[in-house]
Amino acid sequence: MNWLTKRFGKAPKVDNTNPMKSEIHELQKNNVNNVNKKFLIVGLGNIGAEYANTRHNIGFKILDFVAQQQSLSFETAKLGAIAEYSIKGRKLLLLKPNTYMNLSGKAVQYWMEKENIAKENVLIITDDLNLPFGTIRIKGKGSDGGHNGLKNIQLVLNTTEYPRFRFGISDAFKKGQQVDYVLGEWDEAEKAKLPERYEIAKQIIESFALAGLANTMNSFNGK
């Protein structure tokens, strides 16, 4: 049973001789289509000025860039800061959880349920130590890779099958310095390259909504 069947029940057969049944069928189809046109884009990070420019907050920074390009303002809402815009009939809801990284799943689940968005239409943006700086990897499922934000999302949603966009921050730290590195700020060389990476990230988000996960993976992985 797929998620649409679970959420809306088995679609009734259309009875063209009964106008009321036909109308119900059309309403049901429209409801499904509206759900498919809504997307939850989640940038992972930690709230607070001390974390604002750290490597761990790349998810927040990417959404800030998208909001700036779209002339949007984030509004404080339950479990996060929210902004939204539409592109070619698709509604994109941008979420920066305010739960801190380790409880990201709580915010993701709440907004999925509130906006009636299936996990296939959720994109989680996160930093990744296992990728060189700026490297992009988009996948439809996978392990948490030791990332506490992804670990909590997996726990709360009870699945590893949700789209994620991993942004490489590299592993250029000495043994025992991982936490300081992840919670440290970008060096000057990295800062110079970030604007171009932000623009590509924006393209990825909109491609995900317009072209789907598979096409977005094919177009952007490795860039």
C-alpha atoms as a PDB file:
ATOM      1  CA  MET A   1       0.000   0.000   0.000  1.00  0.00           C
ATOM      2  CA  ASN A   2       1.579   3.322  -1.012  1.00  0.00           C
ATOM      3  CA  TRP A   3       1.381   6.563   0.988  1.00  0.00           C
ATOM      4  CA  LEU A   4      -1.381   8.019  -1.189  1.00  0.00           C
ATOM      5  CA  THR A   5      -3.588   5.017  -0.584  1.00  0.00           C
ATOM      6  CA  LYS A   6      -2.854   5.168   3.142  1.00  0.00           C
ATOM      7  CA  ARG A   7      -3.657   8.876   3.321  1.00  0.00           C
ATOM      8  CA  PHE A   8      -6.700   9.087   1.057  1.00  0.00           C
ATOM      9  CA  GLY A   9      -7.955   5.520   0.880  1.00  0.00           C
ATOM     10  CA  LYS A  10      -8.641   3.520  -2.249  1.00  0.00           C
ATOM     11  CA  ALA A  11      -9.863   5.750  -5.049  1.00  0.00           C
ATOM     12  CA  PRO A  12     -13.495   5.048  -5.925  1.00  0.00           C
ATOM     13  CA  LYS A  13     -14.481   4.043  -9.408  1.00  0.00           C
ATOM     14  CA  VAL A  14     -16.085   6.832 -11.354  1.00  0.00           C
ATOM     15  CA  ASP A  15     -19.795   6.383 -11.904  1.00  0.00           C
ATOM     16  CA  ASN A  16     -20.691   8.664 -14.793  1.00  0.00           C
ATOM     17  CA  THR A  17     -24.370   8.079 -14.137  1.00  0.00           C
ATOM     18  CA  ASN A  18     -24.085   9.560 -10.648  1.00  0.00           C
ATOM     19  CA  PRO A  19     -22.992  13.258 -10.660  1.00  0.00           C
ATOM     20  CA  MET A  20     -22.311  13.242  -6.911  1.00  0.00           C
ATOM     21  CA  LYS A  21     -19.881  10.279  -7.149  1.00  0.00           C
ATOM     22  CA  SER A  22     -18.101  11.908 -10.083  1.00  0.00           C
ATOM     23  CA  GLU A  23     -17.708  15.148  -8.124  1.00  0.00           C
ATOM     24  CA  ILE A  24     -16.242  13.304  -5.120  1.00  0.00           C
ATOM     25  CA  HIS A  25     -13.779  11.531  -7.407  1.00  0.00           C
ATOM     26  CA  GLU A  26     -12.632  14.843  -8.912  1.00  0.00           C
ATOM     27  CA  LEU A  27     -12.187  16.402  -5.473  1.00  0.00           C
ATOM     28  CA  GLN A  28     -10.083  13.433  -4.397  1.00  0.00           C
ATOM     29  CA  LYS A  29      -7.869  13.689  -7.485  1.00  0.00           C
ATOM     30  CA  ASN A  30      -7.390  17.422  -6.940  1.00  0.00           C
ATOM     31  CA  ASN A  31      -6.415  16.816  -3.308  1.00  0.00           C
ATOM     32  CA  VAL A  32      -3.746  14.310  -4.366  1.00  0.00           C
ATOM     33  CA  ASN A  33      -2.425  16.664  -7.041  1.00  0.00           C
ATOM     34  CA  ASN A  34      -2.172  19.532  -4.549  1.00  0.00           C
ATOM     35  CA  VAL A  35      -0.176  17.352  -2.135  1.00  0.00           C
ATOM     36  CA  ASN A  36       2.237  16.413  -4.921  1.00  0.00           C
ATOM     37  CA  LYS A  37       2.904  20.097  -5.613  1.00  0.00           C
ATOM     38  CA  LYS A  38       4.073  20.930  -2.086  1.00  0.00           C
ATOM     39  CA  PHE A  39       7.697  20.473  -1.016  1.00  0.00           C
ATOM     40  CA  LEU A  40       9.413  20.804   2.343  1.00  0.00           C
ATOM     41  CA  ILE A  41      13.022  21.971   2.062  1.00  0.00           C
ATOM     42  CA  VAL A  42      14.840  21.593   5.374  1.00  0.00           C
ATOM     43  CA  GLY A  43      18.214  23.189   6.066  1.00  0.00           C
ATOM     44  CA  LEU A  44      19.883  21.682   9.123  1.00  0.00           C
ATOM     45  CA  GLY A  45      21.764  23.820  11.608  1.00  0.00           C
ATOM     46  CA  ASN A  46      21.894  25.195  15.128  1.00  0.00           C
ATOM     47  CA  ILE A  47      20.236  28.400  16.290  1.00  0.00           C
ATOM     48  CA  GLY A  48      22.256  31.125  17.955  1.00  0.00           C
ATOM     49  CA  ALA A  49      24.762  33.732  16.817  1.00  0.00           C
ATOM     50  CA  GLU A  50      27.712  31.584  17.904  1.00  0.00           C
ATOM     51  CA  TYR A  51      26.756  28.950  15.317  1.00  0.00           C
ATOM     52  CA  ALA A  52      25.618  31.218  12.479  1.00  0.00           C
ATOM     53  CA  ASN A  53      28.750  31.037  10.298  1.00  0.00           C
ATOM     54  CA  THR A  54      29.976  27.572  11.193  1.00  0.00           C
ATOM     55  CA  ARG A  55      30.421  24.686   8.784  1.00  0.00           C
ATOM     56  CA  HIS A  56      27.696  22.732  10.581  1.00  0.00           C
ATOM     57  CA  ASN A  57      25.159  25.432   9.631  1.00  0.00           C
ATOM     58  CA  ILE A  58      25.489  25.158   5.874  1.00  0.00           C
ATOM     59  CA  GLY A  59      21.845  24.060   5.653  1.00  0.00           C
ATOM     60  CA  PHE A  60      20.699  27.310   7.262  1.00  0.00           C
ATOM     61  CA  LYS A  61      23.022  29.350   5.056  1.00  0.00           C
ATOM     62  CA  ILE A  62      21.737  27.794   1.832  1.00  0.00           C
ATOM     63  CA  LEU A  63      18.138  28.544   2.794  1.00  0.00           C
ATOM     64  CA  ASP A  64      19.123  32.088   3.778  1.00  0.00           C
ATOM     65  CA  PHE A  65      20.589  32.540   0.287  1.00  0.00           C
ATOM     66  CA  VAL A  66      17.446  31.200  -1.389  1.00  0.00           C
ATOM     67  CA  ALA A  67      15.270  33.483   0.733  1.00  0.00           C
ATOM     68  CA  GLN A  68      17.429  36.473  -0.115  1.00  0.00           C
ATOM     69  CA  GLN A  69      17.263  35.731  -3.841  1.00  0.00           C
ATOM     70  CA  GLN A  70      13.479  35.432  -3.622  1.00  0.00           C
ATOM     71  CA  SER A  71      13.112  38.521  -1.390  1.00  0.00           C
ATOM     72  CA  LEU A  72      11.634  36.399   1.398  1.00  0.00           C
ATOM     73  CA  SER A  73      11.706  36.839   5.155  1.00  0.00           C
ATOM     74  CA  PHE A  74      11.723  33.936   7.595  1.00  0.00           C
ATOM     75  CA  GLU A  75       9.017  33.998  10.214  1.00  0.00           C
ATOM     76  CA  THR A  76       9.267  32.307  13.589  1.00  0.00           C
ATOM     77  CA  ALA A  77       6.780  29.441  13.791  1.00  0.00           C
ATOM     78  CA  LYS A  78       6.399  26.237  15.748  1.00  0.00           C
ATOM     79  CA  LEU A  79       9.714  24.346  15.935  1.00  0.00           C
ATOM     80  CA  GLY A  80      11.444  26.534  13.381  1.00  0.00           C
ATOM     81  CA  ALA A  81      11.722  29.532  11.089  1.00  0.00           C
ATOM     82  CA  ILE A  82       9.593  29.326   7.954  1.00  0.00           C
ATOM     83  CA  ALA A  83       9.528  31.005   4.547  1.00  0.00           C
ATOM     84  CA  GLU A  84       7.707  29.939   1.394  1.00  0.00           C
ATOM     85  CA  TYR A  85       7.460  30.726  -2.276  1.00  0.00           C
ATOM     86  CA  SER A  86       5.992  29.213  -5.418  1.00  0.00           C
ATOM     87  CA  ILE A  87       7.641  28.350  -8.711  1.00  0.00           C
ATOM     88  CA  LYS A  88       5.718  27.090 -11.736  1.00  0.00           C
ATOM     89  CA  GLY A  89       2.834  25.846  -9.628  1.00  0.00           C
ATOM     90  CA  ARG A  90       5.003  24.207  -6.969  1.00  0.00           C
ATOM     91  CA  LYS A  91       4.958  25.482  -3.390  1.00  0.00           C
ATOM     92  CA  LEU A  92       8.299  25.344  -1.599  1.00  0.00           C
ATOM     93  CA  LEU A  93       8.252  25.573   2.184  1.00  0.00           C
ATOM     94  CA  LEU A  94      11.701  26.440   3.572  1.00  0.00           C
ATOM     95  CA  LEU A  95      12.323  25.277   7.144  1.00  0.00           C
ATOM     96  CA  LYS A  96      15.185  26.070   9.522  1.00  0.00           C
ATOM     97  CA  PRO A  97      14.471  23.976  12.651  1.00  0.00           C
ATOM     98  CA  ASN A  98      14.982  25.738  15.988  1.00  0.00           C
ATOM     99  CA  THR A  99      15.302  22.459  17.896  1.00  0.00           C
ATOM    100  CA  TYR A 100      19.095  22.307  17.603  1.00  0.00           C
ATOM    101  CA  MET A 101      20.683  19.717  15.352  1.00  0.00           C
ATOM    102  CA  ASN A 102      20.174  16.676  17.587  1.00  0.00           C
ATOM    103  CA  LEU A 103      16.369  17.043  17.571  1.00  0.00           C
ATOM    104  CA  SER A 104      15.858  18.016  13.928  1.00  0.00           C
ATOM    105  CA  GLY A 105      13.455  15.142  13.320  1.00  0.00           C
ATOM    106  CA  LYS A 106      10.820  16.660  15.595  1.00  0.00           C
ATOM    107  CA  ALA A 107      10.531  19.770  13.419  1.00  0.00           C
ATOM    108  CA  VAL A 108      10.639  17.798  10.170  1.00  0.00           C
ATOM    109  CA  GLN A 109       7.843  15.482  11.270  1.00  0.00           C
ATOM    110  CA  TYR A 110       5.670  18.318  12.568  1.00  0.00           C
ATOM    111  CA  TRP A 111       5.800  20.302   9.320  1.00  0.00           C
ATOM    112  CA  MET A 112       5.366  17.218   7.149  1.00  0.00           C
ATOM    113  CA  GLU A 113       2.161  16.418   9.005  1.00  0.00           C
ATOM    114  CA  LYS A 114       0.938  20.014   9.230  1.00  0.00           C
ATOM    115  CA  GLU A 115       1.387  20.645   5.509  1.00  0.00           C
ATOM    116  CA  ASN A 116       0.478  17.100   4.442  1.00  0.00           C
ATOM    117  CA  ILE A 117       3.786  16.546   2.652  1.00  0.00           C
ATOM    118  CA  ALA A 118       5.037  13.026   1.936  1.00  0.00           C
ATOM    119  CA  LYS A 119       8.666  12.123   2.600  1.00  0.00           C
ATOM    120  CA  GLU A 120       9.305  11.861  -1.156  1.00  0.00           C
ATOM    121  CA  ASN A 121       8.730  15.630  -1.314  1.00  0.00           C
ATOM    122  CA  VAL A 122      11.068  16.441   1.571  1.00  0.00           C
ATOM    123  CA  LEU A 123      14.680  17.472   0.919  1.00  0.00           C
ATOM    124  CA  ILE A 124      17.105  17.596   3.856  1.00  0.00           C
ATOM    125  CA  ILE A 125      20.184  19.805   3.382  1.00  0.00           C
ATOM    126  CA  THR A 126      23.148  18.929   5.566  1.00  0.00           C
ATOM    127  CA  ASP A 127      26.913  19.216   5.915  1.00  0.00           C
ATOM    128  CA  ASP A 128      29.103  16.163   5.260  1.00  0.00           C
ATOM    129  CA  LEU A 129      32.618  15.552   6.563  1.00  0.00           C
ATOM    130  CA  ASN A 130      33.183  12.693   4.147  1.00  0.00           C
ATOM    131  CA  LEU A 131      33.047  14.907   1.056  1.00  0.00           C
ATOM    132  CA  PRO A 132      35.603  17.480  -0.141  1.00  0.00           C
ATOM    133  CA  PHE A 133      34.615  21.104   0.393  1.00  0.00           C
ATOM    134  CA  GLY A 134      31.710  22.171  -1.802  1.00  0.00           C
ATOM    135  CA  THR A 135      31.132  18.702  -3.273  1.00  0.00           C
ATOM    136  CA  ILE A 136      27.473  17.841  -3.760  1.00  0.00           C
ATOM    137  CA  ARG A 137      25.797  14.480  -3.242  1.00  0.00           C
ATOM    138  CA  ILE A 138      22.046  14.052  -3.635  1.00  0.00           C
ATOM    139  CA  LYS A 139      20.463  10.736  -2.682  1.00  0.00           C
ATOM    140  CA  GLY A 140      17.004   9.329  -2.089  1.00  0.00           C
ATOM    141  CA  LYS A 141      18.019   7.222   0.887  1.00  0.00           C
ATOM    142  CA  GLY A 142      21.019   6.166   2.944  1.00  0.00           C
ATOM    143  CA  SER A 143      22.558   5.960   6.381  1.00  0.00           C
ATOM    144  CA  ASP A 144      23.003   8.909   8.713  1.00  0.00           C
ATOM    145  CA  GLY A 145      26.780   8.752   8.180  1.00  0.00           C
ATOM    146  CA  GLY A 146      27.344   9.692  11.802  1.00  0.00           C
ATOM    147  CA  HIS A 147      25.476  12.998  11.404  1.00  0.00           C
ATOM    148  CA  ASN A 148      23.359  13.713  14.483  1.00  0.00           C
ATOM    149  CA  GLY A 149      20.707  15.635  12.567  1.00  0.00           C
ATOM    150  CA  LEU A 150      20.147  12.843  10.064  1.00  0.00           C
ATOM    151  CA  LYS A 151      20.293  10.304  12.886  1.00  0.00           C
ATOM    152  CA  ASN A 152      17.384  11.981  14.677  1.00  0.00           C
ATOM    153  CA  ILE A 153      15.356  12.401  11.495  1.00  0.00           C
ATOM    154  CA  GLN A 154      15.789   8.693  10.779  1.00  0.00           C
ATOM    155  CA  LEU A 155      14.709   7.875  14.340  1.00  0.00           C
ATOM    156  CA  VAL A 156      11.608  10.073  14.290  1.00  0.00           C
ATOM    157  CA  LEU A 157      10.455   9.187  10.764  1.00  0.00           C
ATOM    158  CA  ASN A 158      11.445   5.535  11.279  1.00  0.00           C
ATOM    159  CA  THR A 159      13.015   5.324   7.841  1.00  0.00           C
ATOM    160  CA  THR A 160      16.263   5.981   5.987  1.00  0.00           C
ATOM    161  CA  GLU A 161      14.342   6.563   2.759  1.00  0.00           C
ATOM    162  CA  TYR A 162      14.034  10.328   2.383  1.00  0.00           C
ATOM    163  CA  PRO A 163      15.862  12.634  -0.058  1.00  0.00           C
ATOM    164  CA  ARG A 164      18.944  14.374   1.240  1.00  0.00           C
ATOM    165  CA  PHE A 165      21.347  16.932  -0.227  1.00  0.00           C
ATOM    166  CA  ARG A 166      24.787  16.618   1.343  1.00  0.00           C
ATOM    167  CA  PHE A 167      27.232  19.513   1.082  1.00  0.00           C
ATOM    168  CA  GLY A 168      30.882  18.603   1.569  1.00  0.00           C
ATOM    169  CA  ILE A 169      32.818  20.436   4.270  1.00  0.00           C
ATOM    170  CA  SER A 170      35.900  18.134   4.030  1.00  0.00           C
ATOM    171  CA  ASP A 171      37.745  16.457   6.890  1.00  0.00           C
ATOM    172  CA  ALA A 172      40.732  18.800   7.124  1.00  0.00           C
ATOM    173  CA  PHE A 173      41.187  18.480  10.867  1.00  0.00           C
ATOM    174  CA  LYS A 174      43.624  16.697  13.146  1.00  0.00           C
ATOM    175  CA  LYS A 175      42.684  13.704  15.242  1.00  0.00           C
ATOM    176  CA  GLY A 176      40.455  14.675  18.153  1.00  0.00           C
ATOM    177  CA  GLN A 177      39.508  18.044  16.641  1.00  0.00           C
ATOM    178  CA  GLN A 178      36.383  17.062  14.730  1.00  0.00           C
ATOM    179  CA  VAL A 179      33.941  18.957  16.936  1.00  0.00           C
ATOM    180  CA  ASP A 180      36.007  22.139  16.831  1.00  0.00           C
ATOM    181  CA  TYR A 181      36.298  21.836  13.069  1.00  0.00           C
ATOM    182  CA  VAL A 182      32.597  21.250  12.409  1.00  0.00           C
ATOM    183  CA  LEU A 183      31.617  24.070  14.764  1.00  0.00           C
ATOM    184  CA  GLY A 184      34.358  26.298  13.399  1.00  0.00           C
ATOM    185  CA  GLU A 185      33.960  28.987  10.759  1.00  0.00           C
ATOM    186  CA  TRP A 186      34.959  28.748   7.101  1.00  0.00           C
ATOM    187  CA  ASP A 187      38.479  29.757   6.184  1.00  0.00           C
ATOM    188  CA  GLU A 188      39.046  32.607   3.719  1.00  0.00           C
ATOM    189  CA  ALA A 189      39.506  30.334   0.693  1.00  0.00           C
ATOM    190  CA  GLU A 190      36.232  28.547   1.455  1.00  0.00           C
ATOM    191  CA  LYS A 191      34.379  31.821   1.999  1.00  0.00           C
ATOM    192  CA  ALA A 192      35.443  33.004  -1.447  1.00  0.00           C
ATOM    193  CA  LYS A 193      33.933  29.920  -3.072  1.00  0.00           C
ATOM    194  CA  LEU A 194      30.664  29.772  -1.126  1.00  0.00           C
ATOM    195  CA  PRO A 195      28.600  32.245  -3.240  1.00  0.00           C
ATOM    196  CA  GLU A 196      28.972  30.070  -6.340  1.00  0.00           C
ATOM    197  CA  ARG A 197      28.066  26.974  -4.291  1.00  0.00           C
ATOM    198  CA  TYR A 198      24.999  28.736  -2.895  1.00  0.00           C
ATOM    199  CA  GLU A 199      23.757  29.487  -6.398  1.00  0.00           C
ATOM    200  CA  ILE A 200      24.104  25.839  -7.409  1.00  0.00           C
ATOM    201  CA  ALA A 201      22.317  24.810  -4.218  1.00  0.00           C
ATOM    202  CA  LYS A 202      19.379  27.057  -5.132  1.00  0.00           C
ATOM    203  CA  GLN A 203      19.231  25.421  -8.564  1.00  0.00           C
ATOM    204  CA  ILE A 204      19.216  21.984  -6.898  1.00  0.00           C
ATOM    205  CA  ILE A 205      16.300  22.886  -4.630  1.00  0.00           C
ATOM    206  CA  GLU A 206      14.192  24.169  -7.505  1.00  0.00           C
ATOM    207  CA  SER A 207      15.140  21.256  -9.749  1.00  0.00           C
ATOM    208  CA  PHE A 208      14.017  18.866  -7.003  1.00  0.00           C
ATOM    209  CA  ALA A 209      10.576  20.482  -7.015  1.00  0.00           C
ATOM    210  CA  LEU A 210      10.254  20.869 -10.780  1.00  0.00           C
ATOM    211  CA  ALA A 211      12.159  17.939 -12.295  1.00  0.00           C
ATOM    212  CA  GLY A 212      12.143  15.367  -9.500  1.00  0.00           C
ATOM    213  CA  LEU A 213      14.817  13.594  -7.511  1.00  0.00           C
ATOM    214  CA  ALA A 214      16.235  11.340 -10.241  1.00  0.00           C
ATOM    215  CA  ASN A 215      16.740  14.138 -12.758  1.00  0.00           C
ATOM    216  CA  THR A 216      18.245  16.372 -10.085  1.00  0.00           C
ATOM    217  CA  MET A 217      20.706  13.659  -9.072  1.00  0.00           C
ATOM    218  CA  ASN A 218      21.743  13.171 -12.684  1.00  0.00           C
ATOM    219  CA  SER A 219      22.170  16.887 -13.273  1.00  0.00           C
ATOM    220  CA  PHE A 220      23.986  17.950 -10.120  1.00  0.00           C
ATOM    221  CA  ASN A 221      25.779  15.087  -8.379  1.00  0.00           C
ATOM    222  CA  GLY A 222      29.508  15.711  -8.509  1.00  0.00           C
ATOM    223  CA  LYS A 223      29.248  19.378  -9.429  1.00  0.00           C
END
